[in-house]
Protein backbone atom coordinates (compact mmCIF):
# COMPACT_ATOMS: atom_id res chain seq x y z
CA MET A 1 111.99 115.67 110.78
CA SER A 2 111.04 118.96 109.17
CA ILE A 3 110.74 119.24 105.39
CA ASP A 4 112.82 121.73 103.42
CA TYR A 5 110.46 123.53 101.04
CA ASN A 6 113.21 125.79 99.75
CA GLU A 7 114.55 122.96 97.64
CA LYS A 8 113.39 122.36 94.08
CA ILE A 9 112.29 118.92 95.32
CA PRO A 10 111.02 119.22 98.92
CA ASN A 11 112.54 116.52 101.11
CA ASN A 12 113.73 115.51 104.55
CA VAL A 13 116.46 113.15 103.29
CA ASN A 14 119.23 115.75 102.79
CA LEU A 15 118.91 115.48 99.04
CA SER A 16 121.22 118.46 98.52
CA THR A 17 124.18 116.42 99.82
CA ASP A 18 123.76 113.79 97.08
CA LYS A 19 124.23 115.75 93.87
CA THR A 20 124.08 112.69 91.60
CA LEU A 21 120.70 111.64 92.99
CA GLN A 22 119.47 115.22 93.01
CA ARG A 23 120.28 115.64 89.32
CA ALA A 24 118.60 112.32 88.47
CA LEU A 25 115.40 113.29 90.27
CA GLU A 26 115.43 116.77 88.77
CA ARG A 27 115.61 115.16 85.33
CA TRP A 28 112.63 112.96 86.22
CA GLN A 29 110.59 115.86 87.60
CA PRO A 30 109.64 117.51 84.25
CA ASN A 31 108.49 114.13 82.92
CA TYR A 32 106.33 113.71 86.01
CA LEU A 33 104.80 117.17 85.57
CA GLN A 34 104.09 116.39 81.92
CA TRP A 35 102.41 113.14 82.96
CA TRP A 36 100.31 115.11 85.49
CA LYS A 37 99.22 117.58 82.84
CA GLU A 38 98.20 114.75 80.50
CA MET A 39 96.79 112.21 82.96
CA GLY A 40 95.94 114.16 86.11
CA PRO A 41 92.47 115.51 86.93
CA GLU A 42 90.92 116.78 83.72
CA GLY A 43 90.55 120.53 83.30
CA SER A 44 91.92 121.33 86.77
CA LEU A 45 95.30 122.93 86.07
CA ASP A 46 94.23 126.48 86.95
CA PHE A 47 92.03 125.72 89.98
CA ASP A 48 92.99 126.96 93.45
CA VAL A 49 92.32 124.00 95.73
CA TYR A 50 92.27 124.01 99.54
CA LEU A 51 94.84 121.25 100.05
CA ARG A 52 96.93 119.92 102.89
CA THR A 53 100.67 119.70 102.37
CA ALA A 54 103.10 117.83 104.59
CA ILE A 55 105.40 120.11 106.60
CA SER A 56 106.87 117.50 108.93
CA ALA A 57 107.20 113.74 109.17
CA ASP A 58 106.52 113.82 112.91
CA ALA A 59 103.50 111.98 114.27
CA SER A 60 101.51 115.17 114.92
CA GLY A 61 101.14 118.57 113.35
CA TRP A 62 102.53 117.49 110.02
CA ALA A 63 100.01 119.07 107.64
CA HIS A 64 99.53 122.64 106.41
CA PHE A 65 96.28 123.72 104.69
CA ASP A 66 96.05 126.45 102.06
CA TYR A 67 94.99 127.15 98.49
CA VAL A 68 97.32 125.58 95.93
CA LYS A 69 97.19 125.10 92.18
CA MET A 70 97.73 121.40 91.74
CA PRO A 71 100.59 121.63 89.20
CA ASP A 72 102.35 123.76 91.86
CA TYR A 73 101.76 121.24 94.66
CA ARG A 74 105.00 120.62 96.52
CA TRP A 75 105.48 116.94 95.81
CA GLY A 76 108.55 115.57 97.50
CA ILE A 77 110.35 112.84 99.41
CA PHE A 78 109.47 112.30 103.06
CA LEU A 79 110.54 109.50 105.38
CA THR A 80 109.56 109.03 109.02
CA PRO A 81 112.35 109.58 111.56
CA PRO A 82 114.79 106.66 111.87
CA GLU A 83 114.47 104.26 114.77
CA GLU A 84 117.79 103.92 116.51
CA GLY A 85 119.01 100.34 116.66
CA ARG A 86 116.16 99.00 114.52
CA LEU A 87 116.42 95.28 113.73
CA VAL A 88 115.00 92.95 111.11
CA ASN A 89 112.02 91.48 112.98
CA PHE A 90 111.20 88.40 110.90
CA GLY A 91 112.50 85.82 108.47
CA GLU A 92 115.94 84.30 108.18
CA HIS A 93 117.64 87.60 109.04
CA LYS A 94 115.62 88.09 112.25
CA GLY A 95 117.65 89.91 114.88
CA GLU A 96 120.15 91.44 112.45
CA PRO A 97 120.47 95.24 112.12
CA ALA A 98 118.00 96.63 109.60
CA TRP A 99 119.59 97.31 106.21
CA GLN A 100 120.37 100.86 105.14
CA GLU A 101 121.46 99.71 101.69
CA VAL A 102 119.99 97.02 99.42
CA PRO A 103 121.43 93.56 100.16
CA GLY A 104 122.82 92.28 96.86
CA GLU A 105 121.09 88.91 97.05
CA HIS A 106 117.69 90.57 97.51
CA ARG A 107 118.10 93.35 94.97
CA ALA A 108 115.80 91.93 92.27
CA ASN A 109 112.97 91.10 94.68
CA LEU A 110 113.16 94.46 96.41
CA ARG A 111 113.05 96.26 93.09
CA ARG A 112 110.00 94.21 92.09
CA ILE A 113 108.22 95.14 95.33
CA VAL A 114 108.95 98.86 94.92
CA VAL A 115 107.95 98.91 91.26
CA THR A 116 104.66 97.10 91.87
CA GLN A 117 103.73 99.43 94.73
CA GLY A 118 104.84 102.47 92.74
CA ASP A 119 102.77 101.45 89.73
CA THR A 120 99.52 101.57 91.70
CA GLU A 121 99.95 105.25 92.58
CA PRO A 122 99.77 106.92 89.14
CA ALA A 123 97.29 104.23 88.06
CA SER A 124 94.65 105.42 90.52
CA VAL A 125 95.10 109.04 89.38
CA GLU A 126 94.56 107.90 85.79
CA GLN A 127 91.48 105.90 86.77
CA GLN A 128 89.97 109.00 88.41
CA LYS A 129 90.98 111.48 85.71
CA HIS A 130 87.43 112.42 84.62
CA LEU A 131 85.63 112.37 87.97
CA GLY A 132 86.02 116.07 88.64
CA LEU A 133 83.69 116.78 85.72
CA THR A 134 80.80 115.11 87.59
CA CYS A 135 81.55 116.01 91.23
CA PRO A 136 78.54 116.05 93.59
CA SER A 137 79.90 119.09 95.50
CA LEU A 138 82.92 121.34 95.99
CA TYR A 139 83.63 119.45 99.22
CA ASP A 140 83.86 116.17 97.30
CA LEU A 141 85.85 117.74 94.48
CA ARG A 142 88.43 118.98 96.97
CA ASN A 143 88.68 115.53 98.56
CA LEU A 144 89.19 113.95 95.15
CA PHE A 145 92.00 116.39 94.39
CA GLN A 146 93.60 115.77 97.79
CA VAL A 147 93.64 112.04 97.12
CA ASN A 148 95.06 112.66 93.64
CA VAL A 149 97.99 114.81 94.78
CA GLU A 150 98.83 112.37 97.58
CA GLU A 151 98.84 109.44 95.18
CA GLY A 152 101.24 111.54 93.13
CA ARG A 153 103.44 112.03 96.18
CA HIS A 154 103.38 108.29 96.86
CA LEU A 155 104.73 107.83 93.35
CA TRP A 156 107.55 110.21 94.26
CA ALA A 157 108.25 108.10 97.34
CA MET A 158 108.77 104.96 95.29
CA VAL A 159 110.75 106.78 92.59
CA TYR A 160 113.13 108.09 95.26
CA LEU A 161 113.81 104.52 96.40
CA LEU A 162 114.34 103.33 92.82
CA GLN A 163 116.72 106.13 91.91
CA ARG A 164 118.58 106.21 95.22
CA TYR A 165 119.12 102.48 95.71
CA PHE A 166 118.84 100.72 92.33
CA GLY A 167 121.11 102.67 90.00
CA ARG A 168 120.51 102.50 86.26
CA ASP A 169 117.84 99.81 86.60
CA GLY A 170 115.99 102.01 89.07
CA ARG A 171 116.13 105.02 86.75
CA GLU A 172 114.69 102.94 83.91
CA GLU A 173 111.92 101.61 86.15
CA ALA A 174 111.12 105.17 87.29
CA GLU A 175 110.64 106.23 83.68
CA ALA A 176 108.45 103.18 82.98
CA LEU A 177 106.12 104.20 85.82
CA LEU A 178 105.20 107.26 83.75
CA GLN A 179 104.80 105.29 80.52
CA ARG A 180 102.26 102.65 81.51
CA ARG A 181 98.59 103.68 81.46
CA SER A 182 95.59 102.38 83.36
CA GLY A 183 93.44 100.24 81.06
CA ALA A 184 95.75 100.57 78.04
CA ALA A 185 95.64 97.55 75.75
CA ASP A 186 99.32 97.67 74.85
CA HIS A 187 100.94 99.01 78.03
CA PRO A 188 98.60 98.53 81.03
CA ARG A 189 99.30 98.90 84.71
CA ILE A 190 100.77 95.87 86.49
CA LEU A 191 97.80 94.87 88.70
CA GLY A 192 94.39 94.09 87.24
CA ALA A 193 92.28 96.21 89.61
CA PHE A 194 94.22 99.28 88.52
CA ASN A 195 93.14 98.77 84.93
CA GLU A 196 89.44 98.80 85.84
CA PRO A 197 87.60 102.04 85.00
CA THR A 198 86.30 104.30 87.76
CA PRO A 199 83.46 105.87 85.76
CA ASP A 200 81.31 107.38 88.50
CA TRP A 201 81.44 108.61 92.07
CA LEU A 202 79.82 105.52 93.58
CA SER A 203 82.64 103.49 92.04
CA TYR A 204 85.12 106.05 93.36
CA PHE A 205 83.83 105.81 96.93
CA MET A 206 83.95 102.01 96.74
CA PHE A 207 87.47 102.19 95.31
CA THR A 208 88.77 104.48 98.05
CA TYR A 209 87.12 102.35 100.73
CA PHE A 210 88.19 98.92 99.49
CA THR A 211 91.11 99.31 97.09
CA ASP A 212 92.86 101.98 99.15
CA ARG A 213 92.35 99.67 102.11
CA ASP A 214 94.34 97.04 100.23
CA GLY A 215 96.95 99.80 99.92
CA LYS A 216 96.88 100.24 103.68
CA PHE A 217 97.59 96.56 104.32
CA GLN A 218 100.28 96.33 101.67
CA LEU A 219 101.97 99.44 103.09
CA CYS A 220 101.70 98.05 106.63
CA ALA A 221 103.43 94.86 105.49
CA LEU A 222 106.16 96.89 103.76
CA ALA A 223 106.53 99.13 106.83
CA GLU A 224 107.83 96.02 108.61
CA SER A 225 110.57 95.55 105.99
CA GLY A 226 114.13 94.89 107.03
CA PHE A 227 115.14 97.38 104.32
CA ASP A 228 114.86 100.46 106.51
CA PRO A 229 114.40 103.15 103.80
CA LEU A 230 111.38 101.22 102.44
CA ALA A 231 109.92 100.81 105.93
CA ARG A 232 110.33 104.51 106.76
CA THR A 233 108.91 105.58 103.40
CA THR A 234 105.77 103.46 103.69
CA GLN A 235 105.20 104.47 107.31
CA PHE A 236 104.82 108.06 106.18
CA MET A 237 102.60 107.07 103.26
CA LEU A 238 100.20 105.44 105.74
CA THR A 239 99.46 108.81 107.35
CA GLU A 240 98.11 109.98 103.99
CA GLU A 241 96.37 106.71 103.09
CA ALA A 242 94.04 107.07 106.09
CA HIS A 243 92.38 110.11 104.48
CA HIS A 244 91.74 108.16 101.27
CA MET A 245 89.83 105.48 103.16
CA PHE A 246 87.91 108.16 105.07
CA VAL A 247 86.76 109.62 101.75
CA GLY A 248 85.40 106.21 100.74
CA GLU A 249 83.75 105.26 104.01
CA SER A 250 82.15 108.66 104.63
CA GLY A 251 81.11 108.99 100.98
CA ILE A 252 79.21 105.71 101.01
CA ALA A 253 77.68 106.57 104.40
CA ARG A 254 76.38 109.83 102.90
CA VAL A 255 74.89 107.98 99.91
CA ILE A 256 73.14 105.64 102.34
CA GLN A 257 71.96 108.57 104.45
CA ARG A 258 70.37 110.27 101.46
CA THR A 259 68.63 107.07 100.34
CA CYS A 260 67.26 106.53 103.84
CA GLU A 261 65.94 110.09 103.91
CA ALA A 262 64.15 109.58 100.59
CA MET A 263 62.68 106.26 101.73
CA ARG A 264 61.26 107.76 104.90
CA GLU A 265 60.08 111.00 103.31
CA HIS A 266 58.26 109.31 100.43
CA GLN A 267 57.42 105.99 102.15
CA VAL A 268 58.88 103.92 99.30
CA GLU A 269 61.43 101.11 99.22
CA ALA A 270 61.28 99.43 95.80
CA PRO A 271 64.41 100.05 93.68
CA ASP A 272 62.47 101.51 90.75
CA GLN A 273 60.63 103.90 93.06
CA LEU A 274 63.89 105.09 94.62
CA ARG A 275 65.54 105.49 91.25
CA ALA A 276 62.61 107.62 90.16
CA LEU A 277 63.44 109.90 93.11
CA GLY A 278 67.05 110.18 91.93
CA VAL A 279 68.71 108.25 94.75
CA ILE A 280 70.64 104.98 94.76
CA ASP A 281 68.72 101.96 96.00
CA PHE A 282 70.29 99.52 98.43
CA ALA A 283 70.30 96.60 95.99
CA THR A 284 72.45 98.60 93.60
CA LEU A 285 74.74 99.64 96.44
CA GLN A 286 75.16 95.99 97.40
CA ARG A 287 76.06 94.97 93.84
CA TYR A 288 78.68 97.74 93.60
CA LEU A 289 80.04 96.65 96.98
CA ASN A 290 80.24 93.02 95.81
CA PHE A 291 82.19 93.99 92.72
CA HIS A 292 84.75 96.31 94.28
CA TYR A 293 85.30 94.09 97.30
CA SER A 294 85.88 90.96 95.21
CA VAL A 295 88.19 92.72 92.75
CA THR A 296 90.20 94.09 95.67
CA LEU A 297 90.53 90.64 97.27
CA ASP A 298 92.42 89.53 94.18
CA LEU A 299 95.01 92.27 94.74
CA PHE A 300 96.44 90.27 97.63
CA GLY A 301 97.56 87.56 95.21
CA ALA A 302 97.29 83.78 95.24
CA ASP A 303 96.37 82.13 98.53
CA GLN A 304 99.55 80.03 98.27
CA SER A 305 102.54 81.96 96.98
CA SER A 306 106.19 81.03 96.84
CA ASN A 307 107.01 84.70 96.12
CA ALA A 308 105.32 85.80 99.34
CA ALA A 309 107.29 83.13 101.21
CA THR A 310 110.53 84.37 99.68
CA PHE A 311 109.77 88.02 100.49
CA PHE A 312 109.07 87.08 104.12
CA SER A 313 111.99 84.72 104.65
CA SER A 314 114.31 87.30 103.09
CA GLY A 315 113.11 89.99 105.51
CA LEU A 316 111.69 92.17 102.72
CA LYS A 317 107.94 92.18 103.48
CA GLY A 318 106.41 91.24 106.81
CA ARG A 319 102.92 90.55 108.02
CA TYR A 320 100.37 93.10 109.22
CA ASP A 321 101.38 94.09 112.79
CA GLU A 322 104.33 91.70 112.58
CA THR A 323 105.85 92.55 115.94
CA LYS A 324 102.51 92.08 117.75
CA ILE A 325 102.09 88.49 116.55
CA GLN A 326 102.94 85.84 119.12
CA ASP A 327 105.09 83.34 117.23
CA ASP A 328 108.73 82.86 116.25
CA HIS A 329 108.47 85.21 113.20
CA VAL A 330 110.28 82.61 111.11
CA LEU A 331 107.31 80.29 110.38
CA LYS A 332 109.21 77.23 109.18
CA ASN A 333 107.03 74.93 111.26
CA ASP A 334 103.77 76.91 111.33
CA THR A 335 100.57 76.37 109.35
CA TYR A 336 97.63 78.52 108.28
CA LYS A 337 94.16 77.66 106.99
CA ILE A 338 93.06 78.41 103.44
CA LEU A 339 89.88 77.55 101.53
CA VAL A 340 89.99 74.86 98.85
CA LEU A 341 87.41 72.98 96.80
CA GLU A 342 87.06 69.28 97.61
CA ASN A 343 84.22 67.11 96.30
CA ASP A 344 82.30 70.19 95.14
CA ALA A 345 82.41 71.77 98.60
CA LEU A 346 84.55 74.46 100.20
CA VAL A 347 86.69 73.20 103.06
CA GLU A 348 89.49 74.65 105.16
CA LYS A 349 92.92 73.11 104.66
CA GLU A 350 96.06 73.56 106.76
CA VAL A 351 99.02 74.61 104.63
CA PRO A 352 102.49 75.91 105.51
CA ALA A 353 102.25 79.41 106.95
CA LEU A 354 105.12 80.63 104.79
CA VAL A 355 103.27 80.09 101.52
CA SER A 356 99.92 81.38 102.82
CA LEU A 357 101.04 84.88 103.82
CA ASN A 358 98.86 86.50 101.14
CA GLU A 359 95.83 84.76 102.57
CA ARG A 360 96.66 85.89 106.08
CA LEU A 361 96.93 89.50 104.89
CA ARG A 362 93.67 89.10 102.95
CA ASP A 363 91.93 87.82 106.09
CA ALA A 364 93.13 90.89 108.02
CA PHE A 365 91.71 93.07 105.24
CA VAL A 366 88.35 91.27 105.44
CA LYS A 367 88.08 91.94 109.19
CA ASP A 368 89.01 95.58 108.72
CA SER A 369 86.56 96.05 105.83
CA LEU A 370 83.73 94.65 107.93
CA ARG A 371 84.04 97.50 110.43
CA GLY A 372 83.00 100.07 107.86
CA VAL A 373 80.11 97.95 106.62
CA THR A 374 78.91 97.71 110.22
CA ARG A 375 78.99 101.50 110.50
CA TRP A 376 77.06 101.87 107.23
CA ASN A 377 74.41 99.50 108.55
CA LYS A 378 74.07 101.63 111.67
CA VAL A 379 73.03 104.53 109.43
CA ILE A 380 70.26 102.36 107.99
CA GLU A 381 69.32 101.06 111.43
CA ARG A 382 68.96 104.59 112.83
CA HIS A 383 66.31 105.21 110.17
CA GLY A 384 64.38 102.12 111.30
CA LEU A 385 64.84 100.29 108.00
CA PRO A 386 65.38 96.52 107.83
CA PHE A 387 67.91 96.27 104.97
CA ARG A 388 71.55 95.47 105.80
CA LEU A 389 74.62 95.57 103.56
CA HIS A 390 77.08 92.70 103.85
CA LEU A 391 80.43 91.54 102.55
CA PRO A 392 80.08 88.62 100.15
CA HIS A 393 81.94 85.37 100.74
CA LYS A 394 85.66 85.81 100.07
CA GLY A 395 85.48 83.20 97.30
CA PHE A 396 82.84 85.19 95.39
CA ASN A 397 83.84 86.46 91.93
CA ARG A 398 87.51 85.62 92.39
CA ARG A 399 89.96 85.55 89.47
CA ILE A 400 93.20 84.73 91.32
CA GLY A 401 94.14 81.80 93.53
CA ALA A 402 92.70 78.35 94.17
CA LEU A 403 89.10 79.58 93.82
CA ASN A 404 89.54 81.39 90.51
CA ALA A 405 87.85 78.63 88.52
CA VAL A 406 85.03 78.07 91.02
CA ARG A 407 81.67 79.82 90.86
CA ILE A 408 80.67 80.79 94.41
CA SER A 409 77.56 82.71 95.47
CA PRO A 410 77.77 85.70 97.83
CA ASP A 411 76.61 83.45 100.67
CA GLY A 412 79.33 80.88 99.99
CA HIS A 413 77.61 78.13 98.00
CA VAL A 414 79.43 76.43 95.13
CA LEU A 415 77.44 76.87 91.92
CA SER A 416 77.30 75.35 88.48
CA GLU A 417 78.03 77.63 85.55
CA PRO A 418 74.32 77.77 84.55
CA ALA A 419 73.30 78.64 88.12
CA TRP A 420 75.88 81.43 88.19
CA ALA A 421 74.75 82.81 84.84
CA ALA A 422 71.12 82.79 85.94
CA ASN A 423 71.83 84.82 89.09
CA VAL A 424 74.89 86.99 88.45
CA HIS A 425 72.69 89.98 87.53
CA ARG A 426 71.46 89.97 91.13
CA TRP A 427 75.00 90.04 92.53
CA LEU A 428 77.16 92.23 90.29
CA PRO A 429 76.40 95.62 88.70
CA THR A 430 74.50 95.32 85.44
CA ASP A 431 74.73 97.63 82.45
CA GLU A 432 71.41 99.06 83.58
CA ASP A 433 72.81 99.75 87.06
CA ARG A 434 75.85 101.52 85.67
CA ALA A 435 73.73 103.55 83.24
CA PHE A 436 71.44 104.65 86.08
CA VAL A 437 74.32 105.67 88.35
CA THR A 438 75.93 107.52 85.45
CA SER A 439 72.66 109.39 84.85
CA LEU A 440 72.93 110.87 88.37
CA MET A 441 76.42 112.25 87.82
CA GLY A 442 75.71 115.94 87.25
CA ARG A 443 78.32 118.48 88.32
CA VAL A 444 77.51 120.55 91.44
CA ILE A 445 80.03 123.32 92.20
CA GLU A 446 78.06 125.97 94.10
CA PRO A 447 79.47 126.18 97.65
CA GLY A 448 77.26 124.35 100.13
CA LYS A 449 75.17 122.62 97.45
CA PHE A 450 75.11 118.84 96.97
CA ALA A 451 73.80 116.48 94.32
CA ASN A 452 70.43 114.95 95.15
CA TRP A 453 71.84 111.42 95.55
CA ILE A 454 74.27 112.21 98.40
CA ALA A 455 73.86 113.88 101.80
CA PRO A 456 76.18 116.66 103.00
CA PRO A 457 78.94 115.68 105.43
CA ALA A 458 78.55 116.36 109.12
CA ASN A 459 81.69 118.53 109.16
CA GLY A 460 83.88 120.40 106.71
CA ILE A 461 87.64 120.17 106.23
CA LYS A 462 90.03 121.42 108.94
CA GLY A 463 87.28 123.22 110.84
CA LYS A 464 85.94 124.99 107.75
CA PRO A 465 82.15 125.06 107.22
CA VAL A 466 80.55 122.66 104.76
CA ASP A 467 79.72 125.59 102.46
CA PHE A 468 83.34 126.80 102.36
CA GLU A 469 84.75 127.52 98.87
CA TYR A 470 87.04 124.49 98.80
CA VAL A 471 87.87 124.96 95.11
CA ARG A 472 88.19 128.32 93.36
CA PHE A 473 87.78 128.26 89.60
CA GLN A 474 89.72 130.57 87.28
C-alpha cells in the first residue's frame, strides 16, 4: 500500500474520495501545526533533520531518509494492507467477520480506547520538549526528533479514527487531544505516567525503553481488535514503535559502557568517585530504572478490571499474541494468577481470567523488559565488573491495583511505613541524584562528539557514519 505524498494530508486510505472527512482533517491540521510550534521540540523549527518518512505500509522498504524541517514533516494516515476474510479472533464475537464500521453497542468503549491511546502520543512530545537543549550528541538529537515526529504521526493515526468513525463526538475528542497538556494542573493528560516530567536524558532513555514498551504491548493488544481499522492502524504504528525502544535500550547501554570504561581506566567504583569523573554510577542507574519501571507498570491498569473484561468480551482489545495462545479465546471458565496481600505476605491467587487481562499483559511486559536488562548486564560483564542491574519486584512502588497501598521492597518483602521511609532513598532517585544527572546535561552538537557521560554508538543511522551531520542548524 503506497502512500500518496501529493495530497495535503499524505495517506493510503483514499482520503480524496471522502470529501467530508478530508475537510474535517484539513480543518484539524492547522491546529495540530500550531500545537507543534508551541509544544514540540523547543527551538527546532528551522533545523534540517535527517529523518525517515514512511513511503509504504508494506512490511519491507517502507522508509525514506532525507533532511526535513520538522514543521514540514509529512505527517499522515497510514494503515497496513487489509487481510482478506479477517475474523474477530476472541470474545463473544469470535468467528464473526471483523468489523469495518463501529458496532453501535461498542461505540462508547471503542471511542474511549482510541482517545486514551491518542492522548499518550502528544503527551510524550510535551514531556520531551526541552531535551534538545541538552543533547549529548547530534546522533542523539536526531533520534529524539525522529521519536517526536513519529509520536506526532501516531496522534494523526488516532485522530483519523476519531474523525472517520465517531462523527461529531470524534471531532470534539480530536480537538481535546490538542488542548490537554502533560503535567498541567487544570487540564492534564489522561494517564499518570504521561504527566511525569522527563527532565534529563537518562530519564528519556528509561522512558523510551520502559514506557514506549508499554506502548508496544498496548498496540499489540489493539492490533488484535475486531474493529479492523483500529487493528490495521496500530499494526503500522508498531513498525515505528520499535525504533523508540531501540533508542532507550541502546542509550542506556551506552551510558553503562561509558561508566565501565571510566571504572576500568581510573580503577574506581564508589559512586562519589565516579560522579567526580562525570559519569553515572550504577547505583543511580538502578534507582532511575526502579522508578521508570514501576511507574510504567501502573500504565497497564488494575490487576482486576471489569473494563478490560468488557473490552475483551466485546472483541475490542485482545491479548498479546492472541492467536498464538492455546485456549478457547473466550475465557469464561479460565483463571489467571495475581498477587494479593494476605496476613502481611504476598501470595498468588487464582482469579477469573477475564478480569485479570491487565495483569497478563503486564506479565508479558515484565518478561520482555528483562531481555534488555540482561543485555545491559552483559556490557558490565564484558568489562569484568561484578555489579548487575535488575528489575525490582512488580509490587514495588505501585500506585494502581491491589498493591497500591502496600509498601514492598525491590526484592519483594512487605514493609512497614517506617521501614519504607528509612530505605526509599536507596531505591528511588533522590533530589541529589536528579541534581547530579542534571549537572551532566551540557549540549554537544559538534558532529562526532559525545558528552563525557555516554559512549558513542557502534553504528550510525541508515549506514551513515557516527560523525555524520544528522542535524543542520540554521
